[in-house]
């Protein structure tokens, strides 16, 4: 699975980091980013739930 975050859409709500902290984090400005080395979602069964939790649908998942 490939995960991408649309930085132009992200509002920094942080729901993804709360749901799946092993894959998502927030940068110094509070916007979502991927934890280095986890760009493919490896190790977290909650990646899809984190994408659904995004209030502006800034997270895209590709199989």
N, C-alpha and C. Protein backbone atom coordinates (compact mmCIF):
# COMPACT_ATOMS: atom_id res chain seq x y z
N UNK A 1 0.84 -1.17 0.00
CA UNK A 1 0.00 0.00 0.00
C UNK A 1 0.88 1.24 0.00
N UNK A 2 0.46 2.23 -0.75
CA UNK A 2 1.18 3.51 -0.80
C UNK A 2 0.30 4.57 -0.15
N UNK A 3 0.88 5.36 0.73
CA UNK A 3 0.16 6.40 1.45
C UNK A 3 0.69 7.75 1.00
N UNK A 4 -0.22 8.67 0.72
CA UNK A 4 0.21 10.03 0.42
C UNK A 4 -0.72 11.01 1.14
N UNK A 5 -0.15 12.16 1.49
CA UNK A 5 -0.90 13.20 2.17
C UNK A 5 -0.86 14.45 1.30
N UNK A 6 -2.01 14.98 0.97
CA UNK A 6 -2.10 16.20 0.18
C UNK A 6 -1.87 17.39 1.11
N UNK A 7 -0.67 17.96 1.05
CA UNK A 7 -0.30 19.05 1.95
C UNK A 7 -1.13 20.31 1.71
N UNK A 8 -1.68 20.45 0.52
CA UNK A 8 -2.51 21.61 0.22
C UNK A 8 -3.90 21.50 0.85
N UNK A 9 -4.30 20.29 1.20
CA UNK A 9 -5.62 20.04 1.77
C UNK A 9 -5.55 19.88 3.29
N UNK A 10 -4.47 19.32 3.80
CA UNK A 10 -4.33 19.05 5.23
C UNK A 10 -4.50 20.33 6.05
N UNK A 11 -5.32 20.22 7.12
CA UNK A 11 -5.53 21.36 8.02
C UNK A 11 -4.86 21.16 9.37
N UNK A 12 -4.19 20.02 9.54
CA UNK A 12 -3.47 19.77 10.79
C UNK A 12 -4.35 19.34 11.95
N UNK A 13 -5.48 18.69 11.66
CA UNK A 13 -6.38 18.24 12.72
C UNK A 13 -5.72 17.17 13.60
N UNK A 14 -4.81 16.39 13.04
CA UNK A 14 -4.07 15.40 13.81
C UNK A 14 -4.80 14.10 14.08
N UNK A 15 -5.95 13.90 13.47
CA UNK A 15 -6.69 12.66 13.71
C UNK A 15 -5.92 11.44 13.24
N UNK A 16 -5.19 11.57 12.15
CA UNK A 16 -4.41 10.43 11.64
C UNK A 16 -3.33 10.01 12.64
N UNK A 17 -2.66 10.99 13.23
CA UNK A 17 -1.60 10.69 14.21
C UNK A 17 -2.18 10.11 15.49
N UNK A 18 -3.39 10.48 15.83
CA UNK A 18 -4.03 9.90 17.02
C UNK A 18 -4.45 8.46 16.78
N UNK A 19 -4.96 8.18 15.58
CA UNK A 19 -5.44 6.84 15.26
C UNK A 19 -4.30 5.87 14.95
N UNK A 20 -3.30 6.34 14.23
CA UNK A 20 -2.20 5.47 13.80
C UNK A 20 -0.85 6.16 13.99
N UNK A 21 -0.41 6.31 15.24
CA UNK A 21 0.82 7.05 15.52
C UNK A 21 2.09 6.37 15.02
N UNK A 22 2.02 5.11 14.68
CA UNK A 22 3.19 4.43 14.14
C UNK A 22 3.46 4.77 12.69
N UNK A 23 2.47 5.37 12.02
CA UNK A 23 2.60 5.70 10.60
C UNK A 23 2.54 7.21 10.37
N UNK A 24 1.68 7.90 11.11
CA UNK A 24 1.49 9.33 10.92
C UNK A 24 2.02 10.13 12.11
N UNK A 25 2.53 11.30 11.82
CA UNK A 25 2.97 12.24 12.84
C UNK A 25 2.65 13.63 12.34
N UNK A 26 3.02 14.64 13.11
CA UNK A 26 2.81 16.01 12.67
C UNK A 26 4.14 16.74 12.65
N UNK A 27 4.31 17.61 11.65
CA UNK A 27 5.55 18.37 11.53
C UNK A 27 5.54 19.55 12.50
N UNK A 28 6.56 20.37 12.45
CA UNK A 28 6.69 21.49 13.38
C UNK A 28 5.57 22.51 13.25
N UNK A 29 4.91 22.53 12.09
CA UNK A 29 3.79 23.45 11.88
C UNK A 29 2.45 22.82 12.20
N UNK A 30 2.46 21.55 12.62
CA UNK A 30 1.23 20.86 13.00
C UNK A 30 0.54 20.11 11.89
N UNK A 31 1.14 20.07 10.70
CA UNK A 31 0.53 19.36 9.59
C UNK A 31 0.99 17.91 9.55
N UNK A 32 0.14 17.06 9.02
CA UNK A 32 0.42 15.63 9.00
C UNK A 32 1.57 15.29 8.06
N UNK A 33 2.33 14.31 8.48
CA UNK A 33 3.41 13.76 7.67
C UNK A 33 3.56 12.29 8.04
N UNK A 34 4.29 11.55 7.24
CA UNK A 34 4.49 10.14 7.50
C UNK A 34 5.76 9.92 8.33
N UNK A 35 5.70 8.96 9.22
CA UNK A 35 6.87 8.58 10.00
C UNK A 35 7.88 7.97 9.03
N UNK A 36 9.13 8.45 9.01
CA UNK A 36 10.13 7.89 8.09
C UNK A 36 10.23 6.36 8.20
N UNK A 37 10.22 5.73 7.05
CA UNK A 37 10.31 4.28 7.01
C UNK A 37 8.96 3.57 7.03
N UNK A 38 7.89 4.32 7.19
CA UNK A 38 6.56 3.72 7.26
C UNK A 38 5.63 4.24 6.17
N UNK A 39 6.21 4.69 5.07
CA UNK A 39 5.44 5.26 3.97
C UNK A 39 4.50 4.25 3.32
N UNK A 40 4.74 2.97 3.54
CA UNK A 40 3.88 1.94 2.95
C UNK A 40 2.85 1.41 3.95
N UNK A 41 2.80 1.98 5.14
CA UNK A 41 1.81 1.58 6.13
C UNK A 41 2.15 0.31 6.87
N UNK A 42 3.34 -0.21 6.66
CA UNK A 42 3.75 -1.44 7.31
C UNK A 42 3.68 -1.32 8.82
N UNK A 43 3.10 -2.31 9.43
CA UNK A 43 3.08 -2.37 10.89
C UNK A 43 1.87 -1.74 11.54
N UNK A 44 0.94 -1.21 10.78
CA UNK A 44 -0.24 -0.61 11.39
C UNK A 44 -1.51 -1.06 10.68
N UNK A 45 -2.36 -1.79 11.41
CA UNK A 45 -3.64 -2.18 10.82
C UNK A 45 -4.64 -1.02 10.80
N UNK A 46 -4.26 0.12 11.36
CA UNK A 46 -5.18 1.25 11.50
C UNK A 46 -5.00 2.34 10.43
N UNK A 47 -4.21 2.07 9.41
CA UNK A 47 -3.96 3.08 8.38
C UNK A 47 -5.26 3.49 7.68
N UNK A 48 -6.07 2.51 7.32
CA UNK A 48 -7.34 2.83 6.64
C UNK A 48 -8.26 3.64 7.57
N UNK A 49 -8.30 3.29 8.83
CA UNK A 49 -9.12 4.03 9.79
C UNK A 49 -8.60 5.46 9.94
N UNK A 50 -7.29 5.63 9.93
CA UNK A 50 -6.71 6.97 10.02
C UNK A 50 -7.10 7.81 8.81
N UNK A 51 -7.09 7.22 7.63
CA UNK A 51 -7.50 7.95 6.42
C UNK A 51 -8.97 8.34 6.51
N UNK A 52 -9.81 7.44 7.01
CA UNK A 52 -11.23 7.76 7.16
C UNK A 52 -11.46 8.84 8.21
N UNK A 53 -10.59 8.92 9.22
CA UNK A 53 -10.75 9.90 10.29
C UNK A 53 -10.37 11.32 9.87
N UNK A 54 -9.66 11.46 8.77
CA UNK A 54 -9.24 12.79 8.31
C UNK A 54 -10.47 13.61 7.93
N UNK A 55 -10.69 14.75 8.59
CA UNK A 55 -11.90 15.53 8.33
C UNK A 55 -11.94 16.19 6.95
N UNK A 56 -10.80 16.28 6.28
CA UNK A 56 -10.77 16.91 4.95
C UNK A 56 -10.30 15.93 3.86
N UNK A 57 -10.22 14.65 4.20
CA UNK A 57 -9.80 13.58 3.26
C UNK A 57 -8.49 13.92 2.55
N UNK A 58 -7.49 14.35 3.32
CA UNK A 58 -6.20 14.68 2.75
C UNK A 58 -5.29 13.46 2.57
N UNK A 59 -5.71 12.32 3.09
CA UNK A 59 -4.89 11.10 3.01
C UNK A 59 -5.42 10.21 1.90
N UNK A 60 -4.53 9.80 1.00
CA UNK A 60 -4.89 8.90 -0.08
C UNK A 60 -4.14 7.59 0.06
N UNK A 61 -4.85 6.49 -0.12
CA UNK A 61 -4.26 5.17 -0.05
C UNK A 61 -4.37 4.51 -1.42
N UNK A 62 -3.28 3.93 -1.86
CA UNK A 62 -3.25 3.22 -3.14
C UNK A 62 -2.73 1.83 -2.89
N UNK A 63 -3.47 0.85 -3.37
CA UNK A 63 -3.06 -0.55 -3.20
C UNK A 63 -1.95 -0.89 -4.15
